[in-house]
């Protein structure tokens, strides 16, 4: 299993970025792709996840509707559209993927070790 991320960068507050994550090695489309960020002293925290077969989504409560996750199952790729970015969104964002066996919300909050693949991370920096 493998995922490849792209799309991070440096923007000003209020601007937008789109992250992409392409997965490989999964059979069919029964898997979930999610975006995570590192929380100091904790494991990675789920920002948003999507089921690649049914499109079910999960979002962290604090996002206030600013981010949208979508998928292109034909391309095995999920996208995270990040709008109205704030300086506190600054972080390294990691893409993870795992075979689908529960709800998207439950899987987006699983321990890191339960995921099948992790990307190297992409830096998102928002200046004030």
Foldseek 3Di string as FASTA:
>chain_A
DEKEKDKADEEAAQAKIKMKIADDDDDAQQKKKFKWFDDVPDATATAKMARRPPGDMDGDPPLVPQWDKDDDSVRNMIMIIGGRDDQVVWGWMKMFMAGHDDDRVVVSGDGPVRTPYIYPTDTHGYHD
